C-alpha atoms as a PDB file:
ATOM      1  CA  MET A   1      -4.751   4.368  13.591  1.00  0.00           C
ATOM      2  CA  ILE A   2      -1.436   3.756  11.836  1.00  0.00           C
ATOM      3  CA  TYR A   3       0.627   5.246  14.646  1.00  0.00           C
ATOM      4  CA  VAL A   4      -1.311   3.511  17.382  1.00  0.00           C
ATOM      5  CA  GLY A   5      -0.546   0.232  15.595  1.00  0.00           C
ATOM      6  CA  LYS A   6       3.101   1.202  15.182  1.00  0.00           C
ATOM      7  CA  ALA A   7       3.338   2.109  18.879  1.00  0.00           C
ATOM      8  CA  LEU A   8       1.755  -1.200  19.916  1.00  0.00           C
ATOM      9  CA  GLU A   9       4.150  -3.213  17.765  1.00  0.00           C
ATOM     10  CA  PHE A  10       7.181  -1.323  19.025  1.00  0.00           C
ATOM     11  CA  ALA A  11       6.019  -1.614  22.641  1.00  0.00           C
ATOM     12  CA  PHE A  12       5.702  -5.414  22.420  1.00  0.00           C
ATOM     13  CA  SER A  13       9.007  -5.857  20.599  1.00  0.00           C
ATOM     14  CA  THR A  14      11.440  -7.734  22.839  1.00  0.00           C
ATOM     15  CA  GLU A  15      14.588  -6.358  21.199  1.00  0.00           C
ATOM     16  CA  GLY A  16      13.645  -2.789  20.380  1.00  0.00           C
ATOM     17  CA  ARG A  17      14.268  -1.393  16.932  1.00  0.00           C
ATOM     18  CA  HIS A  18      17.560  -0.965  15.108  1.00  0.00           C
ATOM     19  CA  LYS A  19      18.865  -0.204  11.647  1.00  0.00           C
ATOM     20  CA  LEU A  20      20.176  -3.064   9.559  1.00  0.00           C
ATOM     21  CA  SER A  21      23.592  -1.378   9.595  1.00  0.00           C
ATOM     22  CA  GLU A  22      23.823  -1.730  13.375  1.00  0.00           C
ATOM     23  CA  ILE A  23      25.389  -4.648  15.213  1.00  0.00           C
ATOM     24  CA  LYS A  24      22.966  -6.344  17.585  1.00  0.00           C
ATOM     25  CA  ILE A  25      23.837  -5.763  21.200  1.00  0.00           C
ATOM     26  CA  ASN A  26      24.830  -8.766  23.278  1.00  0.00           C
ATOM     27  CA  ARG A  27      22.626  -8.520  26.353  1.00  0.00           C
ATOM     28  CA  ASN A  28      25.446 -10.009  28.459  1.00  0.00           C
ATOM     29  CA  GLU A  29      27.669  -7.069  27.628  1.00  0.00           C
ATOM     30  CA  ASN A  30      27.541  -3.579  28.996  1.00  0.00           C
ATOM     31  CA  SER A  31      24.615  -1.920  27.244  1.00  0.00           C
ATOM     32  CA  HIS A  32      26.574   1.318  27.091  1.00  0.00           C
ATOM     33  CA  ASN A  33      29.145  -0.199  24.725  1.00  0.00           C
ATOM     34  CA  ARG A  34      27.353  -0.079  21.391  1.00  0.00           C
ATOM     35  CA  ASP A  35      29.505  -0.659  18.335  1.00  0.00           C
ATOM     36  CA  LEU A  36      27.963   0.516  15.082  1.00  0.00           C
ATOM     37  CA  VAL A  37      29.022  -0.415  11.599  1.00  0.00           C
ATOM     38  CA  ASP A  38      30.294   2.627   9.763  1.00  0.00           C
ATOM     39  CA  ARG A  39      27.591   3.875   7.419  1.00  0.00           C
ATOM     40  CA  PRO A  40      27.260   7.042   5.329  1.00  0.00           C
ATOM     41  CA  SER A  41      25.482   9.937   6.935  1.00  0.00           C
ATOM     42  CA  GLU A  42      21.806   9.955   5.952  1.00  0.00           C
ATOM     43  CA  ASN A  43      21.551  13.715   5.924  1.00  0.00           C
ATOM     44  CA  GLN A  44      23.478  16.927   6.198  1.00  0.00           C
ATOM     45  CA  HIS A  45      20.841  19.091   7.852  1.00  0.00           C
ATOM     46  CA  LEU A  46      19.623  17.355  11.024  1.00  0.00           C
ATOM     47  CA  PRO A  47      21.392  15.737  13.999  1.00  0.00           C
ATOM     48  CA  PRO A  48      21.562  11.942  13.489  1.00  0.00           C
ATOM     49  CA  TRP A  49      19.450  11.236  16.584  1.00  0.00           C
ATOM     50  CA  LEU A  50      16.668  13.547  15.356  1.00  0.00           C
ATOM     51  CA  TYR A  51      16.794  12.197  11.816  1.00  0.00           C
ATOM     52  CA  ASP A  52      16.588   8.580  13.038  1.00  0.00           C
ATOM     53  CA  ALA A  53      13.706   9.459  15.355  1.00  0.00           C
ATOM     54  CA  LEU A  54      11.787  11.050  12.474  1.00  0.00           C
ATOM     55  CA  GLU A  55      12.609   8.195  10.138  1.00  0.00           C
ATOM     56  CA  ILE A  56      11.411   5.449  12.460  1.00  0.00           C
ATOM     57  CA  SER A  57       8.250   7.476  13.154  1.00  0.00           C
ATOM     58  CA  PHE A  58       7.315   7.949   9.500  1.00  0.00           C
ATOM     59  CA  GLU A  59       8.898   4.909   7.836  1.00  0.00           C
ATOM     60  CA  LEU A  60       6.048   2.468   7.132  1.00  0.00           C
ATOM     61  CA  ARG A  61       7.739  -0.254   5.068  1.00  0.00           C
ATOM     62  CA  GLY A  62      10.782  -0.395   7.324  1.00  0.00           C
ATOM     63  CA  VAL A  63      13.304   0.251   4.549  1.00  0.00           C
ATOM     64  CA  GLY A  64      16.727  -0.040   6.199  1.00  0.00           C
ATOM     65  CA  TRP A  65      15.244  -1.121   9.547  1.00  0.00           C
ATOM     66  CA  ASP A  66      14.832  -4.507  11.187  1.00  0.00           C
ATOM     67  CA  PHE A  67      11.028  -4.350  11.060  1.00  0.00           C
ATOM     68  CA  GLY A  68      11.216  -4.107   7.268  1.00  0.00           C
ATOM     69  CA  LYS A  69      12.661  -7.603   6.824  1.00  0.00           C
ATOM     70  CA  GLY A  70      10.537  -9.692   4.492  1.00  0.00           C
ATOM     71  CA  VAL A  71       8.742  -6.698   2.961  1.00  0.00           C
ATOM     72  CA  HIS A  72       9.002  -6.593  -0.818  1.00  0.00           C
ATOM     73  CA  VAL A  73      10.793  -3.440  -1.985  1.00  0.00           C
ATOM     74  CA  PRO A  74      10.617  -2.661  -5.731  1.00  0.00           C
ATOM     75  CA  VAL A  75      13.863  -2.291  -7.638  1.00  0.00           C
ATOM     76  CA  GLN A  76      14.977   1.309  -7.945  1.00  0.00           C
ATOM     77  CA  THR A  77      14.416   2.605 -11.485  1.00  0.00           C
ATOM     78  CA  ARG A  78      15.801   6.129 -11.054  1.00  0.00           C
ATOM     79  CA  PRO A  79      19.455   7.180 -11.093  1.00  0.00           C
ATOM     80  CA  LEU A  80      20.856   7.374  -7.562  1.00  0.00           C
ATOM     81  CA  LEU A  81      22.862  10.529  -8.162  1.00  0.00           C
ATOM     82  CA  ARG A  82      21.112  13.174  -6.079  1.00  0.00           C
ATOM     83  CA  ASN A  83      20.442  15.794  -8.773  1.00  0.00           C
ATOM     84  CA  LEU A  84      19.399  13.247 -11.401  1.00  0.00           C
ATOM     85  CA  PHE A  85      17.154  11.490  -8.881  1.00  0.00           C
ATOM     86  CA  LEU A  86      15.453  14.757  -7.933  1.00  0.00           C
ATOM     87  CA  ARG A  87      14.851  15.628 -11.581  1.00  0.00           C
ATOM     88  CA  ALA A  88      13.360  12.219 -12.343  1.00  0.00           C
ATOM     89  CA  THR A  89      11.178  12.416  -9.236  1.00  0.00           C
ATOM     90  CA  PHE A  90       9.931  15.894 -10.146  1.00  0.00           C
ATOM     91  CA  ARG A  91       9.036  14.715 -13.676  1.00  0.00           C
ATOM     92  CA  SER A  92       7.108  11.808 -12.169  1.00  0.00           C
ATOM     93  CA  PHE A  93       5.345  14.121  -9.718  1.00  0.00           C
ATOM     94  CA  PHE A  94       4.333  16.569 -12.451  1.00  0.00           C
ATOM     95  CA  PHE A  95       3.133  13.792 -14.783  1.00  0.00           C
ATOM     96  CA  HIS A  96       0.954  12.131 -12.149  1.00  0.00           C
ATOM     97  CA  PHE A  97      -0.357  15.521 -11.035  1.00  0.00           C
ATOM     98  CA  LEU A  98      -1.599  16.106 -14.596  1.00  0.00           C
ATOM     99  CA  VAL A  99      -3.063  12.588 -14.818  1.00  0.00           C
ATOM    100  CA  LEU A 100      -4.899  12.996 -11.528  1.00  0.00           C
ATOM    101  CA  ASP A 101      -6.190  16.414 -12.551  1.00  0.00           C
ATOM    102  CA  PHE A 102      -7.456  14.983 -15.860  1.00  0.00           C
ATOM    103  CA  LEU A 103      -9.191  12.059 -14.129  1.00  0.00           C
ATOM    104  CA  ASP A 104     -10.742  14.393 -11.564  1.00  0.00           C
ATOM    105  CA  SER A 105     -12.148  16.491 -14.411  1.00  0.00           C
ATOM    106  CA  THR A 106     -13.428  13.312 -16.077  1.00  0.00           C
ATOM    107  CA  PHE A 107     -15.304  12.297 -12.921  1.00  0.00           C
ATOM    108  CA  LYS A 108     -17.250  15.529 -13.060  1.00  0.00           C
ATOM    109  CA  MET A 109     -18.767  14.442 -16.361  1.00  0.00           C
ATOM    110  CA  PHE A 110     -20.733  11.619 -14.684  1.00  0.00           C
ATOM    111  CA  PRO A 111     -24.053  12.736 -13.120  1.00  0.00           C
ATOM    112  CA  GLY A 112     -24.129  12.164  -9.368  1.00  0.00           C
ATOM    113  CA  VAL A 113     -20.683  10.606  -9.213  1.00  0.00           C
ATOM    114  CA  GLY A 114     -19.055  13.913 -10.128  1.00  0.00           C
ATOM    115  CA  THR A 115     -20.746  15.942  -7.379  1.00  0.00           C
ATOM    116  CA  ILE A 116     -19.707  16.489  -3.789  1.00  0.00           C
ATOM    117  CA  GLN A 117     -22.957  14.793  -2.707  1.00  0.00           C
ATOM    118  CA  GLY A 118     -21.892  11.599  -4.497  1.00  0.00           C
ATOM    119  CA  GLY A 119     -23.972   9.119  -6.446  1.00  0.00           C
ATOM    120  CA  SER A 120     -24.187   5.562  -7.729  1.00  0.00           C
ATOM    121  CA  ILE A 121     -21.950   4.290 -10.509  1.00  0.00           C
ATOM    122  CA  PHE A 122     -24.806   1.998 -11.563  1.00  0.00           C
ATOM    123  CA  TYR A 123     -27.292   4.065 -13.568  1.00  0.00           C
ATOM    124  CA  ALA A 124     -30.650   2.279 -13.306  1.00  0.00           C
ATOM    125  CA  SER A 125     -32.032   4.165 -16.325  1.00  0.00           C
ATOM    126  CA  LEU A 126     -29.577   2.413 -18.663  1.00  0.00           C
ATOM    127  CA  PRO A 127     -30.002  -1.096 -20.127  1.00  0.00           C
ATOM    128  CA  PRO A 128     -27.880  -3.722 -18.300  1.00  0.00           C
ATOM    129  CA  LEU A 129     -25.094  -3.898 -20.908  1.00  0.00           C
ATOM    130  CA  GLN A 130     -24.555  -0.127 -21.033  1.00  0.00           C
ATOM    131  CA  ARG A 131     -25.062   0.185 -17.281  1.00  0.00           C
ATOM    132  CA  TYR A 132     -22.279  -2.221 -16.373  1.00  0.00           C
ATOM    133  CA  ALA A 133     -19.988  -1.062 -19.166  1.00  0.00           C
ATOM    134  CA  LEU A 134     -20.236   2.469 -17.777  1.00  0.00           C
ATOM    135  CA  SER A 135     -19.794   1.315 -14.164  1.00  0.00           C
ATOM    136  CA  THR A 136     -16.685  -0.607 -15.233  1.00  0.00           C
ATOM    137  CA  LEU A 137     -15.291   2.516 -16.903  1.00  0.00           C
ATOM    138  CA  ILE A 138     -15.910   4.609 -13.777  1.00  0.00           C
ATOM    139  CA  HIS A 139     -14.367   1.854 -11.660  1.00  0.00           C
ATOM    140  CA  ILE A 140     -11.201   1.749 -13.805  1.00  0.00           C
ATOM    141  CA  ILE A 141     -10.928   5.550 -13.647  1.00  0.00           C
ATOM    142  CA  THR A 142     -11.256   5.314  -9.856  1.00  0.00           C
ATOM    143  CA  GLY A 143      -8.423   2.786  -9.595  1.00  0.00           C
ATOM    144  CA  THR A 144      -6.191   4.711 -11.984  1.00  0.00           C
ATOM    145  CA  ALA A 145      -6.781   7.916 -10.016  1.00  0.00           C
ATOM    146  CA  MET A 146      -5.771   6.119  -6.813  1.00  0.00           C
ATOM    147  CA  LEU A 147      -2.547   4.853  -8.388  1.00  0.00           C
ATOM    148  CA  SER A 148      -1.673   8.302  -9.717  1.00  0.00           C
ATOM    149  CA  GLY A 149      -2.535   9.850  -6.351  1.00  0.00           C
ATOM    150  CA  PHE A 150      -0.300   7.399  -4.487  1.00  0.00           C
ATOM    151  CA  GLN A 151       2.588   8.121  -6.826  1.00  0.00           C
ATOM    152  CA  MET A 152       2.088  11.892  -6.820  1.00  0.00           C
ATOM    153  CA  ILE A 153       2.056  12.181  -3.029  1.00  0.00           C
ATOM    154  CA  TYR A 154       4.977   9.791  -2.647  1.00  0.00           C
ATOM    155  CA  ASP A 155       6.993  11.817  -5.169  1.00  0.00           C
ATOM    156  CA  LEU A 156       6.197  15.029  -3.303  1.00  0.00           C
ATOM    157  CA  VAL A 157       7.292  13.599   0.042  1.00  0.00           C
ATOM    158  CA  THR A 158      10.410  12.187  -1.635  1.00  0.00           C
ATOM    159  CA  LEU A 159      11.321  15.613  -3.017  1.00  0.00           C
ATOM    160  CA  ILE A 160      10.933  17.190   0.433  1.00  0.00           C
ATOM    161  CA  SER A 161      12.881  14.460   2.206  1.00  0.00           C
ATOM    162  CA  ILE A 162      15.826  14.436  -0.211  1.00  0.00           C
ATOM    163  CA  GLY A 163      15.798  18.110  -1.207  1.00  0.00           C
ATOM    164  CA  LEU A 164      15.253  19.646   2.228  1.00  0.00           C
ATOM    165  CA  LEU A 165      16.107  16.994   4.817  1.00  0.00           C
ATOM    166  CA  GLY A 166      19.051  15.429   3.013  1.00  0.00           C
ATOM    167  CA  SER A 167      17.846  11.829   2.730  1.00  0.00           C
ATOM    168  CA  LEU A 168      19.725   9.474   0.460  1.00  0.00           C
ATOM    169  CA  PRO A 169      17.977   8.559  -2.824  1.00  0.00           C
ATOM    170  CA  SER A 170      18.485   4.880  -1.962  1.00  0.00           C
ATOM    171  CA  SER A 171      16.150   5.387   1.012  1.00  0.00           C
ATOM    172  CA  TRP A 172      13.251   6.109  -1.358  1.00  0.00           C
ATOM    173  CA  PRO A 173      12.554   3.050  -3.539  1.00  0.00           C
ATOM    174  CA  PRO A 174       9.404   2.999  -5.708  1.00  0.00           C
ATOM    175  CA  ILE A 175       6.087   2.816  -3.859  1.00  0.00           C
ATOM    176  CA  LEU A 176       4.420   0.524  -6.426  1.00  0.00           C
ATOM    177  CA  ASP A 177       5.794  -2.317  -8.522  1.00  0.00           C
ATOM    178  CA  ASP A 178       3.692  -2.178 -11.718  1.00  0.00           C
ATOM    179  CA  PRO A 179       0.440  -3.631 -10.277  1.00  0.00           C
ATOM    180  CA  TRP A 180      -1.073  -3.824 -13.793  1.00  0.00           C
ATOM    181  CA  SER A 181       1.332  -6.684 -14.602  1.00  0.00           C
ATOM    182  CA  SER A 182       0.190  -8.890 -11.699  1.00  0.00           C
ATOM    183  CA  ASP A 183      -0.680 -12.418 -12.846  1.00  0.00           C
ATOM    184  CA  SER A 184      -1.897 -13.773  -9.508  1.00  0.00           C
ATOM    185  CA  LEU A 185      -3.471 -12.361  -6.387  1.00  0.00           C
ATOM    186  CA  HIS A 186      -0.463 -13.571  -4.390  1.00  0.00           C
ATOM    187  CA  VAL A 187       1.836 -11.470  -6.571  1.00  0.00           C
ATOM    188  CA  LEU A 188      -0.525  -8.482  -6.480  1.00  0.00           C
ATOM    189  CA  TRP A 189      -0.945  -8.260  -2.720  1.00  0.00           C
ATOM    190  CA  SER A 190       2.534  -9.358  -1.621  1.00  0.00           C
ATOM    191  CA  LYS A 191       4.640  -7.492  -4.188  1.00  0.00           C
ATOM    192  CA  ARG A 192       2.968  -5.335  -6.817  1.00  0.00           C
ATOM    193  CA  TRP A 193       0.646  -3.314  -4.580  1.00  0.00           C
ATOM    194  CA  HIS A 194       2.114  -0.841  -2.127  1.00  0.00           C
ATOM    195  CA  GLN A 195       3.267  -2.352   1.169  1.00  0.00           C
ATOM    196  CA  LEU A 196       2.932   0.793   3.288  1.00  0.00           C
ATOM    197  CA  LEU A 197       0.238  -0.565   5.608  1.00  0.00           C
ATOM    198  CA  ARG A 198       1.413  -4.159   5.862  1.00  0.00           C
ATOM    199  CA  ARG A 199       2.633  -3.795   9.447  1.00  0.00           C
ATOM    200  CA  THR A 200      -0.508  -1.892  10.468  1.00  0.00           C
ATOM    201  CA  PHE A 201      -2.792  -4.675   9.234  1.00  0.00           C
ATOM    202  CA  MET A 202      -0.604  -7.308  10.888  1.00  0.00           C
ATOM    203  CA  VAL A 203      -1.018  -5.593  14.257  1.00  0.00           C
ATOM    204  CA  TYR A 204      -4.782  -5.147  14.016  1.00  0.00           C
ATOM    205  CA  GLY A 205      -5.676  -8.387  12.251  1.00  0.00           C
ATOM    206  CA  GLY A 206      -2.736 -10.620  11.372  1.00  0.00           C
ATOM    207  CA  TYR A 207      -1.330 -11.313  14.831  1.00  0.00           C
ATOM    208  CA  PRO A 208      -4.720 -11.821  16.543  1.00  0.00           C
ATOM    209  CA  GLY A 209      -5.873 -13.989  13.630  1.00  0.00           C
ATOM    210  CA  LYS A 210      -2.802 -16.207  13.874  1.00  0.00           C
ATOM    211  CA  TRP A 211      -3.181 -16.635  17.629  1.00  0.00           C
ATOM    212  CA  LEU A 212      -6.777 -17.759  17.131  1.00  0.00           C
ATOM    213  CA  PHE A 213      -6.780 -19.701  13.854  1.00  0.00           C
ATOM    214  CA  GLY A 214      -3.215 -20.226  12.639  1.00  0.00           C
ATOM    215  CA  ASN A 215      -1.805 -19.156   9.283  1.00  0.00           C
ATOM    216  CA  PHE A 216      -5.139 -18.833   7.494  1.00  0.00           C
ATOM    217  CA  GLY A 217      -6.432 -16.777  10.401  1.00  0.00           C
ATOM    218  CA  MET A 218      -3.434 -14.484  10.004  1.00  0.00           C
ATOM    219  CA  VAL A 219      -4.129 -13.884   6.287  1.00  0.00           C
ATOM    220  CA  GLN A 220      -7.859 -13.481   6.877  1.00  0.00           C
ATOM    221  CA  GLY A 221      -7.222 -11.129   9.778  1.00  0.00           C
ATOM    222  CA  VAL A 222      -4.910  -8.942   7.681  1.00  0.00           C
ATOM    223  CA  PHE A 223      -7.535  -8.468   4.974  1.00  0.00           C
ATOM    224  CA  ILE A 224     -10.371  -7.852   7.443  1.00  0.00           C
ATOM    225  CA  ALA A 225      -8.214  -5.211   9.136  1.00  0.00           C
ATOM    226  CA  SER A 226      -7.531  -3.684   5.716  1.00  0.00           C
ATOM    227  CA  GLY A 227     -11.234  -3.523   4.925  1.00  0.00           C
ATOM    228  CA  LEU A 228     -12.107  -1.956   8.267  1.00  0.00           C
ATOM    229  CA  TYR A 229      -9.285   0.556   7.902  1.00  0.00           C
ATOM    230  CA  HIS A 230     -10.606   1.737   4.533  1.00  0.00           C
ATOM    231  CA  GLU A 231     -14.187   1.714   5.801  1.00  0.00           C
ATOM    232  CA  CYS A 232     -13.297   3.835   8.840  1.00  0.00           C
ATOM    233  CA  ALA A 233     -11.688   6.366   6.496  1.00  0.00           C
ATOM    234  CA  LEU A 234     -14.914   6.560   4.460  1.00  0.00           C
ATOM    235  CA  TYR A 235     -17.017   6.779   7.637  1.00  0.00           C
ATOM    236  CA  THR A 236     -15.526  10.221   8.303  1.00  0.00           C
ATOM    237  CA  MET A 237     -17.453  11.515   5.265  1.00  0.00           C
ATOM    238  CA  GLY A 238     -20.714  11.255   7.194  1.00  0.00           C
ATOM    239  CA  ARG A 239     -22.523   8.539   5.227  1.00  0.00           C
ATOM    240  CA  GLY A 240     -22.379   5.842   7.893  1.00  0.00           C
ATOM    241  CA  PHE A 241     -20.885   2.370   7.591  1.00  0.00           C
ATOM    242  CA  ASP A 242     -21.220   0.330   4.395  1.00  0.00           C
ATOM    243  CA  HIS A 243     -19.292  -2.898   4.679  1.00  0.00           C
ATOM    244  CA  ARG A 244     -19.038  -3.591   0.961  1.00  0.00           C
ATOM    245  CA  VAL A 245     -15.454  -2.382   1.269  1.00  0.00           C
ATOM    246  CA  THR A 246     -14.773  -4.699   4.207  1.00  0.00           C
ATOM    247  CA  LEU A 247     -16.394  -7.586   2.334  1.00  0.00           C
ATOM    248  CA  PHE A 248     -14.217  -7.069  -0.743  1.00  0.00           C
ATOM    249  CA  PHE A 249     -11.008  -7.192   1.285  1.00  0.00           C
ATOM    250  CA  ALA A 250     -12.237 -10.065   3.476  1.00  0.00           C
ATOM    251  CA  MET A 251     -12.921 -12.284   0.458  1.00  0.00           C
ATOM    252  CA  GLN A 252      -9.311 -11.909  -0.740  1.00  0.00           C
ATOM    253  CA  ALA A 253      -8.146 -14.551   1.763  1.00  0.00           C
ATOM    254  CA  PRO A 254     -10.467 -17.295   0.403  1.00  0.00           C
ATOM    255  CA  LEU A 255      -9.479 -16.298  -3.146  1.00  0.00           C
ATOM    256  CA  LEU A 256      -5.814 -16.722  -2.221  1.00  0.00           C
ATOM    257  CA  VAL A 257      -6.692 -20.172  -0.862  1.00  0.00           C
ATOM    258  CA  CYS A 258      -8.275 -20.927  -4.254  1.00  0.00           C
ATOM    259  CA  GLU A 259      -4.947 -20.154  -5.907  1.00  0.00           C
ATOM    260  CA  LYS A 260      -3.192 -22.567  -3.555  1.00  0.00           C
ATOM    261  CA  LEU A 261      -5.797 -25.260  -4.241  1.00  0.00           C
ATOM    262  CA  TRP A 262      -5.335 -24.764  -7.989  1.00  0.00           C
ATOM    263  CA  GLN A 263      -1.600 -25.278  -7.576  1.00  0.00           C
ATOM    264  CA  LYS A 264      -2.109 -28.469  -5.566  1.00  0.00           C
ATOM    265  CA  MET A 265      -4.662 -29.876  -8.002  1.00  0.00           C
ATOM    266  CA  THR A 266      -2.817 -29.037 -11.221  1.00  0.00           C
ATOM    267  CA  GLY A 267       0.792 -28.791 -10.089  1.00  0.00           C
ATOM    268  CA  ARG A 268       0.995 -25.345 -11.689  1.00  0.00           C
ATOM    269  CA  LYS A 269       0.932 -21.898 -10.145  1.00  0.00           C
ATOM    270  CA  VAL A 270      -1.518 -19.220 -11.210  1.00  0.00           C
ATOM    271  CA  VAL A 271       0.635 -17.317 -13.726  1.00  0.00           C
ATOM    272  CA  GLY A 272       0.642 -15.956 -17.239  1.00  0.00           C
ATOM    273  CA  PRO A 273      -2.206 -14.473 -19.303  1.00  0.00           C
ATOM    274  CA  PHE A 274      -4.927 -16.499 -17.578  1.00  0.00           C
ATOM    275  CA  GLY A 275      -3.561 -15.489 -14.207  1.00  0.00           C
ATOM    276  CA  ARG A 276      -3.733 -11.851 -15.277  1.00  0.00           C
ATOM    277  CA  LEU A 277      -7.339 -12.305 -16.390  1.00  0.00           C
ATOM    278  CA  TRP A 278      -8.057 -13.790 -12.957  1.00  0.00           C
ATOM    279  CA  VAL A 279      -6.552 -10.724 -11.267  1.00  0.00           C
ATOM    280  CA  TYR A 280      -8.429  -8.358 -13.570  1.00  0.00           C
ATOM    281  CA  PHE A 281     -11.712 -10.182 -12.891  1.00  0.00           C
ATOM    282  CA  ASN A 282     -11.119  -9.696  -9.182  1.00  0.00           C
ATOM    283  CA  MET A 283     -10.141  -6.039  -9.490  1.00  0.00           C
ATOM    284  CA  PHE A 284     -12.461  -4.878 -12.301  1.00  0.00           C
ATOM    285  CA  ILE A 285     -15.601  -6.922 -11.560  1.00  0.00           C
ATOM    286  CA  LEU A 286     -15.631  -8.092  -7.945  1.00  0.00           C
ATOM    287  CA  ALA A 287     -14.295  -4.758  -6.670  1.00  0.00           C
ATOM    288  CA  GLN A 288     -16.991  -2.635  -8.316  1.00  0.00           C
ATOM    289  CA  PRO A 289     -19.234  -2.498  -5.201  1.00  0.00           C
ATOM    290  CA  MET A 290     -16.263  -0.951  -3.386  1.00  0.00           C
ATOM    291  CA  SER A 291     -15.951   1.791  -6.008  1.00  0.00           C
ATOM    292  CA  ALA A 292     -19.717   2.273  -5.795  1.00  0.00           C
ATOM    293  CA  HIS A 293     -19.314   2.992  -2.103  1.00  0.00           C
ATOM    294  CA  PHE A 294     -16.430   5.374  -2.793  1.00  0.00           C
ATOM    295  CA  ALA A 295     -18.564   7.243  -5.336  1.00  0.00           C
ATOM    296  CA  ARG A 296     -21.510   7.441  -2.969  1.00  0.00           C
END
């Protein structure tokens, strides 16, 4: 699904794709005369044409490419010297591997949820207070496991790309930007959360939504596409469709509108401690049906 979307976007691009270090070609000039800005070699192991072909195929955020303009890229927190960067990345990989292993073991302590058959995070035999306290705990563990999984896999791919393929450390900025510190949904979805699938959701939902209903249609289309993407992934587990996941993502667009309305009515943006509580309410309470579907 990701690569079909990438192929569609590239196919409909009127100017092709180029690296930010390249000078745009004047269409009135001979297309064979391409002048490139001198840039350091990205690798020492592969021919440049093969490396660039692989990079544009697997690069999702568009780091260093024209299609990555406007995408938030977190500030690099690791030293850019190759050996130091690899050491820091390996420490991060090992740490998140241990965290994910611990959380996986913790899941197995919950009846139903911890089995391969799956089960509900809402235990009907418990009184309401204990029931929803426990479901919230399972939900938080689910989200934390996802964050550790994202980081662990990204670190592993980073180690392979830099250690074996010779990528530059600067080509591998952080995948997440401390999502726990988000104090508005705008900040969460546009900056703090990973931006790997932003272009995919634009192709499947954002562009069609904008053609039909303008800017709000674009935002709504992006989140509907996100929900359907996650739901299709869960569908492969043989339990049929359950659109609680789609519904959670679809309601993010109206909630973002609420933030804009708050700003217009009060003259203040959604920020600070109350903004963080608003984000946590959305992620810890409203998102629980999505985790329930994951667990099932």
